[in-house]
Amino acid sequence: MMLVIYGSRSELIMQFQITRIEFDFTTDFEDEVLDSESQDEIYDEVLYSIWEADDEDDLVEEITCAYGWCIKSIDYRYVLAS
């Protein structure tokens, strides 16, 4: 975790390492189907990467916005500052 101070306001930024994630790659449009190679690339990029977020809900939102796919389930661990 990291404490960031903005003027007189402080905000706690947490770091998360993704250990398991399942995306919802389904779509209503046939031309937007993601092939398995592209899906694997997304998993490779996300798994074990470090993400900064305010909390668990913000973490899901951050990843969803970054990749454009909803998340079915996610496991992570907190990264503690040394």
C-alpha atoms as a PDB file:
ATOM      1  CA  MET A   1       0.000   0.000   0.000  1.00  0.00           C
ATOM      2  CA  MET A   2       1.085   3.509  -0.643  1.00  0.00           C
ATOM      3  CA  LEU A   3      -0.064   6.738   0.972  1.00  0.00           C
ATOM      4  CA  VAL A   4      -0.400   9.590  -1.491  1.00  0.00           C
ATOM      5  CA  ILE A   5      -0.875  13.118  -0.153  1.00  0.00           C
ATOM      6  CA  TYR A   6      -2.672  15.714  -2.278  1.00  0.00           C
ATOM      7  CA  GLY A   7      -2.518  19.091  -0.538  1.00  0.00           C
ATOM      8  CA  SER A   8      -4.296  18.606   2.756  1.00  0.00           C
ATOM      9  CA  ARG A   9      -6.043  15.410   1.632  1.00  0.00           C
ATOM     10  CA  SER A  10      -4.443  11.967   1.788  1.00  0.00           C
ATOM     11  CA  GLU A  11      -5.574   8.941  -0.178  1.00  0.00           C
ATOM     12  CA  LEU A  12      -4.607   5.311   0.307  1.00  0.00           C
ATOM     13  CA  ILE A  13      -3.560   3.632  -2.930  1.00  0.00           C
ATOM     14  CA  MET A  14      -3.444  -0.150  -2.722  1.00  0.00           C
ATOM     15  CA  GLN A  15      -1.430  -2.456  -4.929  1.00  0.00           C
ATOM     16  CA  PHE A  16      -2.806  -5.805  -6.070  1.00  0.00           C
ATOM     17  CA  GLN A  17      -1.138  -8.702  -7.860  1.00  0.00           C
ATOM     18  CA  ILE A  18      -3.535 -10.744  -9.972  1.00  0.00           C
ATOM     19  CA  THR A  19      -3.177 -14.477  -9.293  1.00  0.00           C
ATOM     20  CA  ARG A  20      -6.233 -15.739 -11.206  1.00  0.00           C
ATOM     21  CA  ILE A  21      -8.788 -14.063 -13.420  1.00  0.00           C
ATOM     22  CA  GLU A  22     -11.637 -15.135 -15.668  1.00  0.00           C
ATOM     23  CA  PHE A  23     -12.984 -12.749 -18.292  1.00  0.00           C
ATOM     24  CA  ASP A  24     -16.387 -12.867 -19.967  1.00  0.00           C
ATOM     25  CA  PHE A  25     -15.387 -12.928 -23.635  1.00  0.00           C
ATOM     26  CA  THR A  26     -18.957 -13.447 -24.878  1.00  0.00           C
ATOM     27  CA  THR A  27     -20.513 -10.832 -27.127  1.00  0.00           C
ATOM     28  CA  ASP A  28     -23.793 -10.301 -28.952  1.00  0.00           C
ATOM     29  CA  PHE A  29     -21.988  -9.528 -32.207  1.00  0.00           C
ATOM     30  CA  GLU A  30     -20.413 -12.264 -34.340  1.00  0.00           C
ATOM     31  CA  ASP A  31     -17.794  -9.923 -35.802  1.00  0.00           C
ATOM     32  CA  GLU A  32     -16.477  -9.091 -32.300  1.00  0.00           C
ATOM     33  CA  VAL A  33     -15.635 -12.662 -31.257  1.00  0.00           C
ATOM     34  CA  LEU A  34     -12.160 -12.763 -29.749  1.00  0.00           C
ATOM     35  CA  ASP A  35     -10.027 -15.695 -30.926  1.00  0.00           C
ATOM     36  CA  SER A  36      -8.331 -17.901 -28.346  1.00  0.00           C
ATOM     37  CA  GLU A  37      -4.861 -16.526 -29.154  1.00  0.00           C
ATOM     38  CA  SER A  38      -6.010 -12.981 -28.337  1.00  0.00           C
ATOM     39  CA  GLN A  39      -7.698 -14.220 -25.167  1.00  0.00           C
ATOM     40  CA  ASP A  40      -4.444 -15.919 -24.102  1.00  0.00           C
ATOM     41  CA  GLU A  41      -2.517 -12.688 -24.719  1.00  0.00           C
ATOM     42  CA  ILE A  42      -4.880 -10.797 -22.410  1.00  0.00           C
ATOM     43  CA  TYR A  43      -4.518 -13.440 -19.694  1.00  0.00           C
ATOM     44  CA  ASP A  44      -0.716 -13.354 -20.060  1.00  0.00           C
ATOM     45  CA  GLU A  45      -0.689  -9.568 -19.668  1.00  0.00           C
ATOM     46  CA  VAL A  46      -2.969  -9.507 -16.627  1.00  0.00           C
ATOM     47  CA  LEU A  47      -1.817 -12.530 -14.619  1.00  0.00           C
ATOM     48  CA  TYR A  48       0.784 -11.706 -11.983  1.00  0.00           C
ATOM     49  CA  SER A  49       0.837  -8.047 -12.986  1.00  0.00           C
ATOM     50  CA  ILE A  50       0.621  -5.312 -10.344  1.00  0.00           C
ATOM     51  CA  TRP A  51      -2.369  -2.961 -10.376  1.00  0.00           C
ATOM     52  CA  GLU A  52      -2.995   0.133  -8.279  1.00  0.00           C
ATOM     53  CA  ALA A  53      -6.550   0.763  -7.123  1.00  0.00           C
ATOM     54  CA  ASP A  54      -8.499   2.288  -4.253  1.00  0.00           C
ATOM     55  CA  ASP A  55     -10.155  -1.021  -3.317  1.00  0.00           C
ATOM     56  CA  GLU A  56     -11.312  -4.346  -4.765  1.00  0.00           C
ATOM     57  CA  ASP A  57     -14.209  -2.832  -6.712  1.00  0.00           C
ATOM     58  CA  ASP A  58     -11.909  -0.212  -8.220  1.00  0.00           C
ATOM     59  CA  LEU A  59      -9.469  -2.989  -9.194  1.00  0.00           C
ATOM     60  CA  VAL A  60     -12.162  -4.776 -11.205  1.00  0.00           C
ATOM     61  CA  GLU A  61     -13.170  -1.473 -12.811  1.00  0.00           C
ATOM     62  CA  GLU A  62      -9.551  -0.632 -13.705  1.00  0.00           C
ATOM     63  CA  ILE A  63      -8.969  -3.985 -15.431  1.00  0.00           C
ATOM     64  CA  THR A  64     -12.340  -3.924 -17.177  1.00  0.00           C
ATOM     65  CA  CYS A  65     -11.663  -0.428 -18.539  1.00  0.00           C
ATOM     66  CA  ALA A  66      -8.117  -1.340 -19.608  1.00  0.00           C
ATOM     67  CA  TYR A  67      -9.129  -4.433 -21.589  1.00  0.00           C
ATOM     68  CA  GLY A  68     -12.782  -3.807 -22.445  1.00  0.00           C
ATOM     69  CA  TRP A  69     -14.081  -7.138 -21.157  1.00  0.00           C
ATOM     70  CA  CYS A  70     -16.119  -7.856 -18.038  1.00  0.00           C
ATOM     71  CA  ILE A  71     -14.594  -9.981 -15.306  1.00  0.00           C
ATOM     72  CA  LYS A  72     -16.394 -13.130 -14.147  1.00  0.00           C
ATOM     73  CA  SER A  73     -14.054 -13.848 -11.235  1.00  0.00           C
ATOM     74  CA  ILE A  74     -10.745 -12.647  -9.883  1.00  0.00           C
ATOM     75  CA  ASP A  75      -8.215 -13.647  -7.219  1.00  0.00           C
ATOM     76  CA  TYR A  76      -5.400 -11.403  -6.113  1.00  0.00           C
ATOM     77  CA  ARG A  77      -2.985 -10.737  -3.324  1.00  0.00           C
ATOM     78  CA  TYR A  78      -2.083  -7.458  -1.691  1.00  0.00           C
ATOM     79  CA  VAL A  79       1.387  -6.116  -2.431  1.00  0.00           C
ATOM     80  CA  LEU A  80       2.876  -4.607   0.698  1.00  0.00           C
ATOM     81  CA  ALA A  81       5.464  -1.866   0.555  1.00  0.00           C
ATOM     82  CA  SER A  82       8.862  -2.866   1.840  1.00  0.00           C
END
